[in-house]
Amino acid sequence: MSQLVLIRHGESQWNLENKFTGWVDVPLTQKGEEEARAAGEKLKTFQFDCAFTSVLIRAQNTLRLVLETIGQTTIPITEDKALNERNYGELQGLNKTETAKKFGDEQVKIWRRSFDVPPPGGESLKDTAARVLPYFDSQIRPELFAKKVVLVVAHGNSLRSLVMHLENLSREAVLELNIPTGAPLFYDLDDHGAVTTHRYL
């Protein structure tokens, strides 16, 4: 049996401003920092063996604040762009409400939530999964097979693609999947890597 905890970074400045963020490196807000510390409070009973995060500062700072809160700042941390948020292409930096007025609510929802329709110049969830899942299989899953307790701090869509895989969600189900900021999502996995239980903490 192994344990995996996934956390979407705390609120970022562009989350607050309702902008498409993607690969743009924007900081956490004060609320985002508070969300990270609150996540740490919920994880004080865990003893993590290692952690993984993206190369973007909002995820890295969330991880740092979580580990500081639980007093585990010396565990091995691996940063990799494979865990980055999906690239929103030409939408990056645009206000979501204004974009919906320009292109229509339904089109923007498809770009944001569908599995295989990318925004202009960007990545679909399918494209994001094509880099997240091989990384998970090659770098994170071996740690789980070694019965380690693993923490992953990443982004809404990189984690959506991972949750879709772990929970065997359909393309239709993932359309409505939203992972809240700063909320630890816990998984128990059996010796074959299959999920036995999962819940938000």
N, C-alpha and C. Protein backbone atom coordinates (compact mmCIF):
# COMPACT_ATOMS: atom_id res chain seq x y z
N MET A 1 0.85 -1.19 0.00
CA MET A 1 0.00 0.00 0.00
C MET A 1 0.88 1.25 0.00
N SER A 2 0.55 2.20 -0.85
CA SER A 2 1.28 3.47 -0.89
C SER A 2 0.29 4.61 -0.84
N GLN A 3 0.80 5.81 -0.57
CA GLN A 3 -0.06 6.97 -0.43
C GLN A 3 0.44 8.11 -1.30
N LEU A 4 -0.50 8.80 -1.93
CA LEU A 4 -0.21 9.91 -2.82
C LEU A 4 -1.12 11.07 -2.45
N VAL A 5 -0.53 12.26 -2.33
CA VAL A 5 -1.32 13.47 -2.09
C VAL A 5 -1.05 14.46 -3.23
N LEU A 6 -2.13 14.94 -3.84
CA LEU A 6 -2.05 15.93 -4.91
C LEU A 6 -2.58 17.26 -4.38
N ILE A 7 -1.88 18.36 -4.69
CA ILE A 7 -2.36 19.68 -4.32
C ILE A 7 -2.22 20.62 -5.51
N ARG A 8 -3.32 21.27 -5.86
CA ARG A 8 -3.23 22.38 -6.82
C ARG A 8 -2.71 23.60 -6.05
N HIS A 9 -1.80 24.33 -6.65
CA HIS A 9 -1.23 25.51 -6.00
C HIS A 9 -2.30 26.44 -5.46
N GLY A 10 -1.94 27.26 -4.48
CA GLY A 10 -2.85 28.25 -3.95
C GLY A 10 -3.19 29.31 -4.99
N GLU A 11 -4.14 30.14 -4.67
CA GLU A 11 -4.58 31.18 -5.60
C GLU A 11 -3.40 32.02 -6.08
N SER A 12 -3.30 32.19 -7.40
CA SER A 12 -2.26 33.04 -7.98
C SER A 12 -2.84 34.43 -8.30
N GLN A 13 -1.96 35.36 -8.63
CA GLN A 13 -2.40 36.71 -8.95
C GLN A 13 -3.36 36.70 -10.14
N TRP A 14 -3.09 35.86 -11.12
CA TRP A 14 -3.96 35.83 -12.29
C TRP A 14 -5.22 35.02 -12.05
N ASN A 15 -5.21 34.06 -11.09
CA ASN A 15 -6.48 33.47 -10.67
C ASN A 15 -7.38 34.57 -10.13
N LEU A 16 -6.80 35.42 -9.28
CA LEU A 16 -7.54 36.52 -8.67
C LEU A 16 -8.09 37.46 -9.73
N GLU A 17 -7.29 37.73 -10.76
CA GLU A 17 -7.68 38.66 -11.82
C GLU A 17 -8.48 38.00 -12.93
N ASN A 18 -8.80 36.70 -12.75
CA ASN A 18 -9.62 35.95 -13.70
C ASN A 18 -8.98 35.90 -15.10
N LYS A 19 -7.66 35.69 -15.10
CA LYS A 19 -6.93 35.61 -16.37
C LYS A 19 -6.47 34.18 -16.64
N PHE A 20 -6.34 33.85 -17.93
CA PHE A 20 -5.72 32.59 -18.32
C PHE A 20 -4.22 32.67 -18.02
N THR A 21 -3.72 31.75 -17.23
CA THR A 21 -2.34 31.83 -16.77
C THR A 21 -1.40 30.95 -17.59
N GLY A 22 -1.66 29.64 -17.61
CA GLY A 22 -0.82 28.74 -18.39
C GLY A 22 0.62 28.72 -17.90
N TRP A 23 1.54 28.94 -18.83
CA TRP A 23 2.97 28.85 -18.49
C TRP A 23 3.55 30.18 -18.01
N VAL A 24 2.73 31.22 -17.94
CA VAL A 24 3.23 32.50 -17.44
C VAL A 24 3.51 32.35 -15.95
N ASP A 25 4.67 32.82 -15.50
CA ASP A 25 5.11 32.61 -14.13
C ASP A 25 4.62 33.75 -13.24
N VAL A 26 3.45 33.56 -12.63
CA VAL A 26 2.88 34.58 -11.77
C VAL A 26 2.90 34.10 -10.32
N PRO A 27 3.00 35.03 -9.36
CA PRO A 27 3.14 34.65 -7.95
C PRO A 27 1.81 34.30 -7.31
N LEU A 28 1.89 33.75 -6.11
CA LEU A 28 0.72 33.54 -5.28
C LEU A 28 0.22 34.87 -4.72
N THR A 29 -1.07 34.96 -4.48
CA THR A 29 -1.62 36.06 -3.71
C THR A 29 -1.45 35.76 -2.22
N GLN A 30 -1.78 36.71 -1.39
CA GLN A 30 -1.76 36.46 0.05
C GLN A 30 -2.73 35.33 0.39
N LYS A 31 -3.90 35.33 -0.25
CA LYS A 31 -4.86 34.24 -0.04
C LYS A 31 -4.25 32.90 -0.46
N GLY A 32 -3.51 32.90 -1.58
CA GLY A 32 -2.87 31.68 -2.05
C GLY A 32 -1.85 31.14 -1.05
N GLU A 33 -1.10 32.05 -0.44
CA GLU A 33 -0.15 31.64 0.59
C GLU A 33 -0.88 31.07 1.80
N GLU A 34 -2.00 31.68 2.16
CA GLU A 34 -2.80 31.17 3.27
C GLU A 34 -3.39 29.80 2.94
N GLU A 35 -3.81 29.60 1.70
CA GLU A 35 -4.33 28.29 1.28
C GLU A 35 -3.24 27.22 1.39
N ALA A 36 -2.01 27.57 1.02
CA ALA A 36 -0.91 26.62 1.11
C ALA A 36 -0.63 26.23 2.55
N ARG A 37 -0.62 27.21 3.44
CA ARG A 37 -0.39 26.92 4.86
C ARG A 37 -1.54 26.08 5.44
N ALA A 38 -2.76 26.39 5.01
CA ALA A 38 -3.91 25.62 5.47
C ALA A 38 -3.83 24.17 5.00
N ALA A 39 -3.34 23.98 3.77
CA ALA A 39 -3.13 22.61 3.28
C ALA A 39 -2.10 21.89 4.15
N GLY A 40 -1.04 22.61 4.51
CA GLY A 40 -0.03 22.03 5.37
C GLY A 40 -0.60 21.60 6.72
N GLU A 41 -1.49 22.41 7.28
CA GLU A 41 -2.13 22.06 8.55
C GLU A 41 -2.89 20.75 8.44
N LYS A 42 -3.52 20.52 7.29
CA LYS A 42 -4.28 19.28 7.09
C LYS A 42 -3.37 18.06 6.90
N LEU A 43 -2.09 18.31 6.63
CA LEU A 43 -1.17 17.21 6.31
C LEU A 43 -0.15 16.94 7.42
N LYS A 44 -0.40 17.49 8.59
CA LYS A 44 0.59 17.36 9.67
C LYS A 44 0.75 15.93 10.17
N THR A 45 -0.21 15.06 9.90
CA THR A 45 -0.09 13.67 10.33
C THR A 45 0.67 12.82 9.31
N PHE A 46 1.00 13.41 8.14
CA PHE A 46 1.71 12.66 7.10
C PHE A 46 3.22 12.81 7.26
N GLN A 47 3.93 11.75 6.91
CA GLN A 47 5.39 11.82 6.83
C GLN A 47 5.77 11.52 5.38
N PHE A 48 6.02 12.60 4.63
CA PHE A 48 6.31 12.43 3.20
C PHE A 48 7.76 11.98 3.00
N ASP A 49 7.94 11.14 1.99
CA ASP A 49 9.29 10.68 1.63
C ASP A 49 9.91 11.51 0.53
N CYS A 50 9.07 12.09 -0.33
CA CYS A 50 9.57 12.90 -1.44
C CYS A 50 8.44 13.74 -2.00
N ALA A 51 8.79 14.75 -2.79
CA ALA A 51 7.79 15.63 -3.38
C ALA A 51 8.18 15.98 -4.81
N PHE A 52 7.16 16.26 -5.61
CA PHE A 52 7.34 16.64 -7.01
C PHE A 52 6.53 17.90 -7.28
N THR A 53 7.08 18.78 -8.13
CA THR A 53 6.36 20.00 -8.49
C THR A 53 6.79 20.44 -9.89
N SER A 54 6.13 21.49 -10.39
CA SER A 54 6.46 22.03 -11.71
C SER A 54 7.62 23.01 -11.60
N VAL A 55 7.95 23.66 -12.69
CA VAL A 55 9.02 24.67 -12.66
C VAL A 55 8.44 26.07 -12.48
N LEU A 56 7.13 26.17 -12.23
CA LEU A 56 6.48 27.47 -12.09
C LEU A 56 6.40 27.87 -10.61
N ILE A 57 6.63 29.14 -10.36
CA ILE A 57 6.84 29.63 -9.00
C ILE A 57 5.61 29.47 -8.11
N ARG A 58 4.41 29.53 -8.69
CA ARG A 58 3.21 29.41 -7.85
C ARG A 58 3.08 28.02 -7.26
N ALA A 59 3.50 27.01 -8.00
CA ALA A 59 3.48 25.64 -7.47
C ALA A 59 4.65 25.43 -6.50
N GLN A 60 5.82 25.93 -6.87
CA GLN A 60 6.99 25.76 -6.00
C GLN A 60 6.79 26.44 -4.65
N ASN A 61 6.23 27.64 -4.64
CA ASN A 61 6.01 28.34 -3.37
C ASN A 61 4.91 27.68 -2.55
N THR A 62 3.90 27.14 -3.21
CA THR A 62 2.89 26.38 -2.48
C THR A 62 3.52 25.19 -1.78
N LEU A 63 4.35 24.45 -2.50
CA LEU A 63 5.04 23.30 -1.91
C LEU A 63 5.91 23.74 -0.74
N ARG A 64 6.66 24.80 -0.93
CA ARG A 64 7.54 25.30 0.14
C ARG A 64 6.75 25.63 1.40
N LEU A 65 5.63 26.32 1.23
CA LEU A 65 4.83 26.71 2.39
C LEU A 65 4.18 25.50 3.06
N VAL A 66 3.76 24.54 2.27
CA VAL A 66 3.20 23.30 2.83
C VAL A 66 4.25 22.59 3.68
N LEU A 67 5.46 22.43 3.12
CA LEU A 67 6.51 21.70 3.84
C LEU A 67 6.98 22.47 5.07
N GLU A 68 7.04 23.78 4.98
CA GLU A 68 7.40 24.58 6.16
C GLU A 68 6.36 24.39 7.27
N THR A 69 5.10 24.36 6.89
CA THR A 69 4.02 24.22 7.87
C THR A 69 4.07 22.88 8.58
N ILE A 70 4.40 21.83 7.84
CA ILE A 70 4.44 20.49 8.46
C ILE A 70 5.82 20.13 8.98
N GLY A 71 6.81 21.03 8.77
CA GLY A 71 8.14 20.80 9.32
C GLY A 71 8.92 19.71 8.61
N GLN A 72 8.75 19.61 7.28
CA GLN A 72 9.45 18.57 6.51
C GLN A 72 10.21 19.19 5.33
N THR A 73 11.02 20.18 5.61
CA THR A 73 11.67 20.94 4.53
C THR A 73 12.90 20.24 3.95
N THR A 74 13.29 19.10 4.48
CA THR A 74 14.52 18.45 4.00
C THR A 74 14.25 17.26 3.10
N ILE A 75 13.00 16.99 2.75
CA ILE A 75 12.73 15.83 1.89
C ILE A 75 13.17 16.14 0.46
N PRO A 76 13.49 15.11 -0.32
CA PRO A 76 13.88 15.32 -1.72
C PRO A 76 12.74 15.93 -2.53
N ILE A 77 13.05 16.98 -3.30
CA ILE A 77 12.07 17.64 -4.15
C ILE A 77 12.56 17.61 -5.60
N THR A 78 11.69 17.19 -6.50
CA THR A 78 12.00 17.17 -7.92
C THR A 78 11.10 18.15 -8.66
N GLU A 79 11.70 19.05 -9.42
CA GLU A 79 10.95 20.03 -10.22
C GLU A 79 11.06 19.65 -11.70
N ASP A 80 9.95 19.67 -12.40
CA ASP A 80 10.00 19.31 -13.82
C ASP A 80 8.87 20.00 -14.58
N LYS A 81 9.18 20.49 -15.77
CA LYS A 81 8.18 21.18 -16.59
C LYS A 81 7.09 20.24 -17.08
N ALA A 82 7.30 18.94 -16.97
CA ALA A 82 6.24 18.00 -17.35
C ALA A 82 5.00 18.18 -16.50
N LEU A 83 5.17 18.74 -15.30
CA LEU A 83 4.03 18.98 -14.39
C LEU A 83 3.46 20.38 -14.52
N ASN A 84 3.99 21.19 -15.44
CA ASN A 84 3.48 22.55 -15.64
C ASN A 84 1.99 22.54 -15.99
N GLU A 85 1.36 23.70 -15.74
CA GLU A 85 0.00 23.91 -16.21
C GLU A 85 -0.04 23.74 -17.73
N ARG A 86 -1.22 23.47 -18.27
CA ARG A 86 -1.33 23.42 -19.73
C ARG A 86 -1.02 24.80 -20.29
N ASN A 87 -0.47 24.82 -21.47
CA ASN A 87 -0.16 26.06 -22.16
C ASN A 87 -1.44 26.56 -22.83
N TYR A 88 -1.89 27.74 -22.42
CA TYR A 88 -3.13 28.29 -22.99
C TYR A 88 -2.90 29.09 -24.27
N GLY A 89 -1.66 29.09 -24.77
CA GLY A 89 -1.41 29.71 -26.06
C GLY A 89 -1.81 31.17 -26.12
N GLU A 90 -2.59 31.52 -27.13
CA GLU A 90 -2.97 32.93 -27.35
C GLU A 90 -3.91 33.47 -26.27
N LEU A 91 -4.45 32.59 -25.44
CA LEU A 91 -5.36 33.04 -24.38
C LEU A 91 -4.61 33.50 -23.13
N GLN A 92 -3.34 33.15 -23.01
CA GLN A 92 -2.59 33.48 -21.80
C GLN A 92 -2.56 35.00 -21.58
N GLY A 93 -2.93 35.40 -20.37
CA GLY A 93 -2.97 36.81 -20.03
C GLY A 93 -4.29 37.48 -20.31
N LEU A 94 -5.21 36.80 -21.00
CA LEU A 94 -6.51 37.39 -21.31
C LEU A 94 -7.49 37.15 -20.18
N ASN A 95 -8.39 38.09 -19.96
CA ASN A 95 -9.44 37.94 -18.98
C ASN A 95 -10.46 36.91 -19.48
N LYS A 96 -10.85 35.99 -18.61
CA LYS A 96 -11.73 34.90 -19.02
C LYS A 96 -13.13 35.41 -19.40
N THR A 97 -13.64 36.38 -18.66
CA THR A 97 -14.96 36.92 -18.95
C THR A 97 -14.98 37.64 -20.29
N GLU A 98 -13.95 38.46 -20.54
CA GLU A 98 -13.87 39.18 -21.81
C GLU A 98 -13.67 38.21 -22.98
N THR A 99 -12.91 37.15 -22.74
CA THR A 99 -12.69 36.15 -23.79
C THR A 99 -14.00 35.44 -24.12
N ALA A 100 -14.81 35.16 -23.09
CA ALA A 100 -16.11 34.52 -23.32
C ALA A 100 -17.05 35.43 -24.12
N LYS A 101 -16.98 36.73 -23.85
CA LYS A 101 -17.81 37.67 -24.63
C LYS A 101 -17.39 37.70 -26.09
N LYS A 102 -16.10 37.56 -26.32
CA LYS A 102 -15.57 37.63 -27.69
C LYS A 102 -15.84 36.36 -28.48
N PHE A 103 -15.61 35.20 -27.85
CA PHE A 103 -15.71 33.93 -28.58
C PHE A 103 -16.97 33.13 -28.24
N GLY A 104 -17.68 33.53 -27.17
CA GLY A 104 -18.86 32.79 -26.73
C GLY A 104 -18.54 31.87 -25.56
N ASP A 105 -19.50 31.79 -24.64
CA ASP A 105 -19.30 30.97 -23.44
C ASP A 105 -18.99 29.52 -23.77
N GLU A 106 -19.73 28.96 -24.73
CA GLU A 106 -19.58 27.54 -25.04
C GLU A 106 -18.21 27.24 -25.62
N GLN A 107 -17.72 28.10 -26.51
CA GLN A 107 -16.40 27.88 -27.09
C GLN A 107 -15.31 27.95 -26.03
N VAL A 108 -15.40 28.92 -25.13
CA VAL A 108 -14.39 29.05 -24.08
C VAL A 108 -14.45 27.87 -23.12
N LYS A 109 -15.67 27.40 -22.83
CA LYS A 109 -15.78 26.20 -21.97
C LYS A 109 -15.13 25.00 -22.64
N ILE A 110 -15.30 24.86 -23.94
CA ILE A 110 -14.66 23.75 -24.67
C ILE A 110 -13.15 23.87 -24.58
N TRP A 111 -12.62 25.06 -24.80
CA TRP A 111 -11.17 25.25 -24.70
C TRP A 111 -10.67 24.94 -23.30
N ARG A 112 -11.44 25.34 -22.28
CA ARG A 112 -11.00 25.17 -20.90
C ARG A 112 -11.18 23.74 -20.40
N ARG A 113 -12.28 23.09 -20.78
CA ARG A 113 -12.66 21.85 -20.10
C ARG A 113 -12.66 20.60 -20.97
N SER A 114 -12.66 20.75 -22.29
CA SER A 114 -12.73 19.54 -23.12
C SER A 114 -11.43 18.76 -23.03
N PHE A 115 -11.47 17.56 -23.55
CA PHE A 115 -10.29 16.70 -23.49
C PHE A 115 -9.30 16.97 -24.62
N ASP A 116 -9.80 17.18 -25.83
CA ASP A 116 -8.89 17.18 -26.97
C ASP A 116 -8.99 18.40 -27.89
N VAL A 117 -9.64 19.48 -27.43
CA VAL A 117 -9.72 20.69 -28.25
C VAL A 117 -8.81 21.75 -27.63
N PRO A 118 -7.70 22.10 -28.28
CA PRO A 118 -6.78 23.09 -27.70
C PRO A 118 -7.23 24.52 -28.00
N PRO A 119 -6.90 25.46 -27.12
CA PRO A 119 -7.09 26.87 -27.47
C PRO A 119 -6.09 27.25 -28.56
N PRO A 120 -6.30 28.37 -29.24
CA PRO A 120 -5.38 28.75 -30.33
C PRO A 120 -3.93 28.84 -29.85
N GLY A 121 -3.07 28.06 -30.49
CA GLY A 121 -1.64 28.09 -30.16
C GLY A 121 -1.28 27.42 -28.85
N GLY A 122 -2.23 26.70 -28.23
CA GLY A 122 -1.98 26.12 -26.92
C GLY A 122 -2.16 24.61 -26.89
N GLU A 123 -2.31 24.10 -25.67
CA GLU A 123 -2.44 22.67 -25.44
C GLU A 123 -3.87 22.31 -25.02
N SER A 124 -4.35 21.17 -25.48
CA SER A 124 -5.57 20.58 -24.94
C SER A 124 -5.22 19.78 -23.69
N LEU A 125 -6.24 19.29 -22.99
CA LEU A 125 -5.97 18.41 -21.85
C LEU A 125 -5.28 17.13 -22.33
N LYS A 126 -5.64 16.66 -23.52
CA LYS A 126 -4.99 15.48 -24.10
C LYS A 126 -3.49 15.74 -24.29
N ASP A 127 -3.16 16.93 -24.79
CA ASP A 127 -1.75 17.29 -24.97
C ASP A 127 -1.03 17.36 -23.63
N THR A 128 -1.70 17.92 -22.62
CA THR A 128 -1.11 18.03 -21.30
C THR A 128 -0.86 16.65 -20.71
N ALA A 129 -1.85 15.77 -20.85
CA ALA A 129 -1.71 14.40 -20.36
C ALA A 129 -0.57 13.66 -21.04
N ALA A 130 -0.30 14.01 -22.31
CA ALA A 130 0.76 13.34 -23.06
C ALA A 130 2.15 13.60 -22.48
N ARG A 131 2.28 14.66 -21.65
CA ARG A 131 3.57 14.86 -20.98
C ARG A 131 3.50 14.52 -19.49
N VAL A 132 2.31 14.72 -18.88
CA VAL A 132 2.17 14.43 -17.45
C VAL A 132 2.23 12.93 -17.17
N LEU A 133 1.49 12.14 -17.92
CA LEU A 133 1.37 10.72 -17.60
C LEU A 133 2.65 9.93 -17.81
N PRO A 134 3.41 10.16 -18.90
CA PRO A 134 4.70 9.46 -18.99
C PRO A 134 5.65 9.84 -17.86
N TYR A 135 5.60 11.10 -17.43
CA TYR A 135 6.44 11.53 -16.30
C TYR A 135 5.99 10.84 -15.02
N PHE A 136 4.68 10.77 -14.82
CA PHE A 136 4.16 10.07 -13.64
C PHE A 136 4.62 8.62 -13.64
N ASP A 137 4.49 7.96 -14.79
CA ASP A 137 4.86 6.55 -14.86
C ASP A 137 6.35 6.31 -14.65
N SER A 138 7.18 7.22 -15.17
CA SER A 138 8.64 6.99 -15.10
C SER A 138 9.27 7.50 -13.82
N GLN A 139 8.71 8.55 -13.22
CA GLN A 139 9.37 9.19 -12.09
C GLN A 139 8.62 9.05 -10.76
N ILE A 140 7.30 9.14 -10.80
CA ILE A 140 6.52 9.15 -9.56
C ILE A 140 6.03 7.75 -9.19
N ARG A 141 5.53 7.01 -10.16
CA ARG A 141 5.01 5.67 -9.86
C ARG A 141 6.06 4.76 -9.22
N PRO A 142 7.34 4.78 -9.66
CA PRO A 142 8.32 3.93 -8.98
C PRO A 142 8.44 4.23 -7.48
N GLU A 143 8.29 5.50 -7.11
CA GLU A 143 8.32 5.84 -5.69
C GLU A 143 7.12 5.24 -4.96
N LEU A 144 5.97 5.22 -5.63
CA LEU A 144 4.78 4.63 -5.04
C LEU A 144 4.92 3.11 -4.92
N PHE A 145 5.49 2.48 -5.94
CA PHE A 145 5.72 1.04 -5.87
C PHE A 145 6.69 0.68 -4.75
N ALA A 146 7.56 1.64 -4.39
CA ALA A 146 8.48 1.43 -3.27
C ALA A 146 7.82 1.73 -1.93
N LYS A 147 6.48 1.92 -1.97
CA LYS A 147 5.66 2.15 -0.76
C LYS A 147 6.01 3.45 -0.05
N LYS A 148 6.40 4.44 -0.85
CA LYS A 148 6.70 5.75 -0.27
C LYS A 148 5.44 6.62 -0.23
N VAL A 149 5.48 7.62 0.64
CA VAL A 149 4.40 8.59 0.73
C VAL A 149 4.82 9.80 -0.09
N VAL A 150 4.07 10.10 -1.15
CA VAL A 150 4.50 11.05 -2.17
C VAL A 150 3.55 12.25 -2.22
N LEU A 151 4.13 13.45 -2.32
CA LEU A 151 3.38 14.69 -2.44
C LEU A 151 3.66 15.30 -3.82
N VAL A 152 2.60 15.65 -4.54
CA VAL A 152 2.73 16.31 -5.83
C VAL A 152 1.97 17.64 -5.77
N VAL A 153 2.66 18.74 -6.01
CA VAL A 153 2.03 20.06 -6.05
C VAL A 153 2.16 20.58 -7.47
N ALA A 154 1.03 20.77 -8.12
CA ALA A 154 1.07 21.18 -9.53
C ALA A 154 -0.09 22.12 -9.83
N HIS A 155 -0.78 21.90 -10.94
CA HIS A 155 -1.72 22.88 -11.48
C HIS A 155 -3.05 22.24 -11.83
N GLY A 156 -4.06 23.08 -12.04
CA GLY A 156 -5.40 22.58 -12.29
C GLY A 156 -5.47 21.55 -13.40
N ASN A 157 -4.85 21.82 -14.54
CA ASN A 157 -4.99 20.91 -15.68
C ASN A 157 -3.97 19.78 -15.69
N SER A 158 -2.76 20.01 -15.20
CA SER A 158 -1.83 18.89 -15.09
C SER A 158 -2.38 17.87 -14.10
N LEU A 159 -3.02 18.35 -13.02
CA LEU A 159 -3.63 17.44 -12.06
C LEU A 159 -4.93 16.84 -12.58
N ARG A 160 -5.70 17.58 -13.38
CA ARG A 160 -6.90 16.99 -14.00
C ARG A 160 -6.53 15.80 -14.86
N SER A 161 -5.47 15.92 -15.63
CA SER A 161 -5.07 14.80 -16.48
C SER A 161 -4.61 13.61 -15.64
N LEU A 162 -3.97 13.88 -14.52
CA LEU A 162 -3.52 12.80 -13.64
C LEU A 162 -4.70 12.15 -12.92
N VAL A 163 -5.63 12.96 -12.44
CA VAL A 163 -6.82 12.43 -11.77
C VAL A 163 -7.66 11.61 -12.75
N MET A 164 -7.79 12.09 -13.98
CA MET A 164 -8.51 11.34 -15.00
C MET A 164 -7.92 9.94 -15.15
N HIS A 165 -6.60 9.85 -15.14
CA HIS A 165 -5.90 8.58 -15.27
C HIS A 165 -6.09 7.71 -14.03
N LEU A 166 -5.88 8.29 -12.85
CA LEU A 166 -5.95 7.52 -11.60
C LEU A 166 -7.36 7.00 -11.34
N GLU A 167 -8.37 7.81 -11.66
CA GLU A 167 -9.74 7.44 -11.35
C GLU A 167 -10.51 6.88 -12.55
N ASN A 168 -9.80 6.69 -13.67
CA ASN A 168 -10.41 6.13 -14.88
C ASN A 168 -11.65 6.91 -15.31
N LEU A 169 -11.53 8.24 -15.31
CA LEU A 169 -12.65 9.08 -15.70
C LEU A 169 -12.82 9.11 -17.22
N SER A 170 -14.04 9.22 -17.65
CA SER A 170 -14.32 9.35 -19.08
C SER A 170 -14.03 10.77 -19.54
N ARG A 171 -13.99 10.97 -20.84
CA ARG A 171 -13.81 12.32 -21.40
C ARG A 171 -14.97 13.23 -20.99
N GLU A 172 -16.16 12.64 -20.87
CA GLU A 172 -17.33 13.43 -20.47
C GLU A 172 -17.22 13.85 -19.00
N ALA A 173 -16.74 12.93 -18.17
CA ALA A 173 -16.63 13.23 -16.74
C ALA A 173 -15.56 14.29 -16.49
N VAL A 174 -14.47 14.22 -17.22
CA VAL A 174 -13.37 15.17 -16.97
C VAL A 174 -13.76 16.58 -17.42
N LEU A 175 -14.76 16.68 -18.29
CA LEU A 175 -15.24 17.99 -18.74
C LEU A 175 -15.72 18.83 -17.55
N GLU A 176 -16.30 18.17 -16.54
CA GLU A 176 -16.85 18.87 -15.39
C GLU A 176 -15.92 18.85 -14.17
N LEU A 177 -14.77 18.21 -14.31
CA LEU A 177 -13.85 18.09 -13.17
C LEU A 177 -13.15 19.42 -12.90
N ASN A 178 -13.28 19.89 -11.67
CA ASN A 178 -12.57 21.10 -11.26
C ASN A 178 -11.84 20.80 -9.95
N ILE A 179 -10.54 21.05 -9.92
CA ILE A 179 -9.75 20.80 -8.72
C ILE A 179 -9.52 22.14 -8.03
N PRO A 180 -10.01 22.31 -6.81
CA PRO A 180 -9.88 23.60 -6.12
C PRO A 180 -8.44 23.88 -5.71
N THR A 181 -8.12 25.16 -5.57
CA THR A 181 -6.77 25.55 -5.14
C THR A 181 -6.56 25.20 -3.68
N GLY A 182 -5.36 24.69 -3.38
CA GLY A 182 -4.94 24.47 -2.01
C GLY A 182 -5.67 23.38 -1.25
N ALA A 183 -6.36 22.48 -1.94
CA ALA A 183 -7.12 21.42 -1.28
C ALA A 183 -6.43 20.07 -1.48
N PRO A 184 -5.83 19.48 -0.44
CA PRO A 184 -5.13 18.21 -0.61
C PRO A 184 -6.08 17.08 -1.02
N LEU A 185 -5.72 16.38 -2.07
CA LEU A 185 -6.49 15.24 -2.58
C LEU A 185 -5.66 13.99 -2.31
N PHE A 186 -6.20 13.11 -1.48
CA PHE A 186 -5.45 11.96 -0.96
C PHE A 186 -5.86 10.69 -1.68
N TYR A 187 -4.86 9.85 -2.00
CA TYR A 187 -5.10 8.54 -2.62
C TYR A 187 -4.36 7.45 -1.86
N ASP A 188 -5.06 6.35 -1.59
CA ASP A 188 -4.44 5.09 -1.20
C ASP A 188 -4.34 4.24 -2.45
N LEU A 189 -3.18 3.62 -2.67
CA LEU A 189 -3.00 2.76 -3.83
C LEU A 189 -2.54 1.38 -3.37
N ASP A 190 -3.01 0.34 -4.06
CA ASP A 190 -2.61 -1.01 -3.70
C ASP A 190 -1.25 -1.35 -4.30
N ASP A 191 -0.80 -2.57 -4.09
CA ASP A 191 0.54 -2.96 -4.53
C ASP A 191 0.70 -2.96 -6.05
N HIS A 192 -0.42 -2.91 -6.78
CA HIS A 192 -0.37 -2.86 -8.25
C HIS A 192 -0.52 -1.43 -8.77
N GLY A 193 -0.63 -0.47 -7.85
CA GLY A 193 -0.76 0.92 -8.25
C GLY A 193 -2.17 1.37 -8.51
N ALA A 194 -3.16 0.51 -8.23
CA ALA A 194 -4.56 0.88 -8.43
C ALA A 194 -5.08 1.62 -7.21
N VAL A 195 -5.94 2.60 -7.47
CA VAL A 195 -6.51 3.39 -6.38
C VAL A 195 -7.53 2.57 -5.61
N THR A 196 -7.39 2.52 -4.28
CA THR A 196 -8.37 1.83 -3.44
C THR A 196 -9.33 2.83 -2.79
N THR A 197 -8.82 3.97 -2.37
CA THR A 197 -9.68 5.04 -1.84
C THR A 197 -9.10 6.39 -2.25
N HIS A 198 -9.96 7.40 -2.32
CA HIS A 198 -9.48 8.76 -2.57
C HIS A 198 -10.47 9.73 -1.96
N ARG A 199 -9.98 10.86 -1.46
CA ARG A 199 -10.85 11.85 -0.85
C ARG A 199 -10.08 13.15 -0.67
N TYR A 200 -10.80 14.24 -0.59
CA TYR A 200 -10.19 15.51 -0.20
C TYR A 200 -10.04 15.52 1.31
N LEU A 201 -8.93 16.03 1.78
CA LEU A 201 -8.68 16.10 3.21
C LEU A 201 -9.21 17.42 3.79
